Protein backbone atom coordinates (compact mmCIF):
# COMPACT_ATOMS: atom_id res chain seq x y z
CA MET A 1 -12.01 8.14 9.65
CA THR A 2 -9.39 9.53 11.92
CA ILE A 3 -7.08 7.39 13.83
CA ALA A 4 -4.70 8.78 15.73
CA GLY A 5 -0.85 7.88 15.06
CA LEU A 6 -1.16 6.65 11.36
CA ASP A 7 0.74 9.34 10.11
CA ASP A 8 4.09 7.73 11.11
CA SER A 9 2.97 4.64 9.18
CA THR A 10 1.45 6.28 6.13
CA ASP A 11 4.79 8.21 5.69
CA ALA A 12 6.63 5.08 6.24
CA LEU A 13 4.69 3.39 3.49
CA ARG A 14 5.05 6.38 1.41
CA ARG A 15 8.82 6.43 1.41
CA GLU A 16 9.28 2.71 1.33
CA LEU A 17 6.97 2.64 -1.73
CA ASN A 18 8.83 5.24 -3.48
CA GLY A 19 11.84 2.98 -3.26
CA VAL A 20 10.41 0.02 -4.64
CA ARG A 21 8.79 2.14 -7.44
CA ALA A 22 12.72 3.24 -8.00
CA MET A 23 13.44 0.02 -9.17
CA ASN A 24 13.13 -1.33 -12.46
CA LYS A 25 11.72 -4.70 -12.10
CA CYS A 26 9.05 -3.57 -9.77
CA ALA A 27 7.51 0.21 -11.13
CA THR A 28 5.26 -1.68 -13.83
CA CYS A 29 4.82 -5.28 -12.20
CA GLU A 30 1.43 -6.07 -11.41
CA CYS A 31 2.33 -7.07 -7.86
CA PHE A 32 3.59 -3.09 -7.03
CA LEU A 33 0.75 -1.97 -8.76
CA GLY A 34 -1.84 -4.17 -6.94
CA VAL A 35 -0.33 -3.07 -3.69
CA VAL A 36 -0.26 0.44 -4.45
CA ALA A 37 -3.86 0.39 -5.60
CA GLN A 38 -4.84 -1.41 -2.18
CA ALA A 39 -2.87 1.06 -0.39
CA VAL A 40 -4.94 3.79 -2.17
CA ALA A 41 -8.05 2.16 -0.97
CA ASP A 42 -6.67 2.08 2.55
CA LEU A 43 -6.20 5.48 2.44
CA ARG A 44 -9.51 6.95 1.48
CA ARG A 45 -10.63 5.85 4.45
CA LEU A 46 -8.35 7.77 6.65
CA GLU A 47 -8.97 11.73 7.29
CA SER A 48 -5.60 13.28 7.29
CA PRO A 49 -3.34 15.38 5.19
CA THR A 50 -0.90 12.70 5.17
CA ALA A 51 -2.91 10.17 3.89
CA ALA A 52 -4.61 12.11 1.31
CA GLY A 53 -0.86 13.21 0.23
CA ALA A 54 -0.16 9.74 -0.03
CA ARG A 55 -3.09 8.48 -1.92
CA ASP A 56 -2.95 11.21 -4.17
CA GLU A 57 0.63 10.39 -5.14
CA PHE A 58 -0.02 6.82 -5.24
CA ALA A 59 -3.18 7.38 -7.56
CA GLY A 60 -0.99 9.52 -9.99
CA TRP A 61 1.42 6.24 -10.13
CA LEU A 62 -1.44 4.22 -11.12
CA ALA A 63 -2.46 6.60 -13.77
CA GLU A 64 1.49 6.84 -14.74
CA ALA A 65 1.54 3.24 -15.30
CA GLU A 66 -2.11 2.59 -17.27
CA GLY A 67 -1.45 0.66 -19.81
CA ARG A 68 2.27 -0.38 -19.33
CA MET A 69 1.55 -3.08 -16.11
CA ARG A 70 3.57 -6.38 -16.79
CA SER A 71 2.81 -9.63 -14.92
CA CYS A 72 4.36 -11.14 -12.18
CA GLN A 73 8.19 -11.91 -12.38
CA HIS A 74 7.76 -14.51 -9.53
CA CYS A 75 10.79 -12.64 -7.51
CA GLU A 76 11.74 -15.03 -4.50
CA VAL A 77 11.02 -12.15 -2.36
CA CYS A 78 8.19 -9.47 -3.20
CA VAL A 79 9.76 -6.47 -2.51
CA PRO A 80 6.52 -4.24 -2.27
CA ALA A 81 4.65 -6.65 0.00
CA GLY A 82 6.69 -5.70 3.28
CA PRO A 83 6.03 -2.46 3.04
CA TYR A 84 2.12 -2.75 2.90
CA GLU A 85 1.89 -5.35 5.14
CA ARG A 86 3.67 -3.30 7.90
CA PHE A 87 1.29 -0.33 6.88
CA ARG A 88 -1.38 -2.89 7.21
CA GLU A 89 -0.51 -4.43 10.47
CA ALA A 90 -0.20 -0.62 11.97
CA LEU A 91 -3.85 0.39 10.53
CA THR A 92 -5.06 -2.94 12.04
CA ALA A 93 -3.53 -1.99 15.53
CA ALA A 94 -4.78 1.74 15.65
CA SER A 95 -8.52 0.30 14.32
CA SER A 96 -8.72 -1.92 17.42
CA ARG A 97 -7.44 0.87 19.82
CA GLY A 98 -10.83 3.17 19.52
CA PRO A 99 -14.26 3.96 18.33
CA ASP A 100 -12.96 5.76 15.30
CA ALA A 101 -11.98 2.47 14.40
CA ALA A 102 -11.37 1.80 10.11
CA ASP A 103 -12.21 -1.19 8.59
CA PRO A 104 -9.27 -2.69 7.94
CA GLY A 105 -10.41 -4.72 4.87
CA ALA A 106 -9.34 -7.98 3.84
CA GLU A 107 -6.60 -9.76 5.48
CA ASP A 108 -4.62 -10.52 2.18
CA SER A 109 -1.90 -7.96 1.71
CA CYS A 110 -2.34 -7.90 -2.25
CA ALA A 111 -3.80 -9.64 -5.15
CA CYS A 112 -0.61 -11.22 -6.36
CA GLY A 113 -1.20 -14.43 -4.84
CA PRO A 114 0.53 -16.61 -2.54
CA ARG A 115 4.14 -16.81 -4.23
CA CYS A 116 4.41 -13.00 -3.70
CA CYS A 117 2.96 -12.34 -0.26
CA THR A 118 3.15 -15.45 1.83
């Protein structure tokens, strides 16, 4: 689906998650990888070169981390949750504006549970 105005939000998500990935504690954390996997699923619904580029980059991160994922460290603040929540808000807002609306999917921002995402 094509939704106007989401390229900026996709670029922001990509930049921010690149920063999170650079943090040693997050790169193989199940929370980060769960956010990345959900972002890949969301980006599959969008038809733009920007979305395709981010989706492919994120899918590469998942492949790279395969077999190295570790469990949640129960950080006070889940660093990957914020960028993804902002992207979901933009996706939800954009999808409610027109007939080409993408299904925003589940409300939960990731699968890490309430400790990380709320």
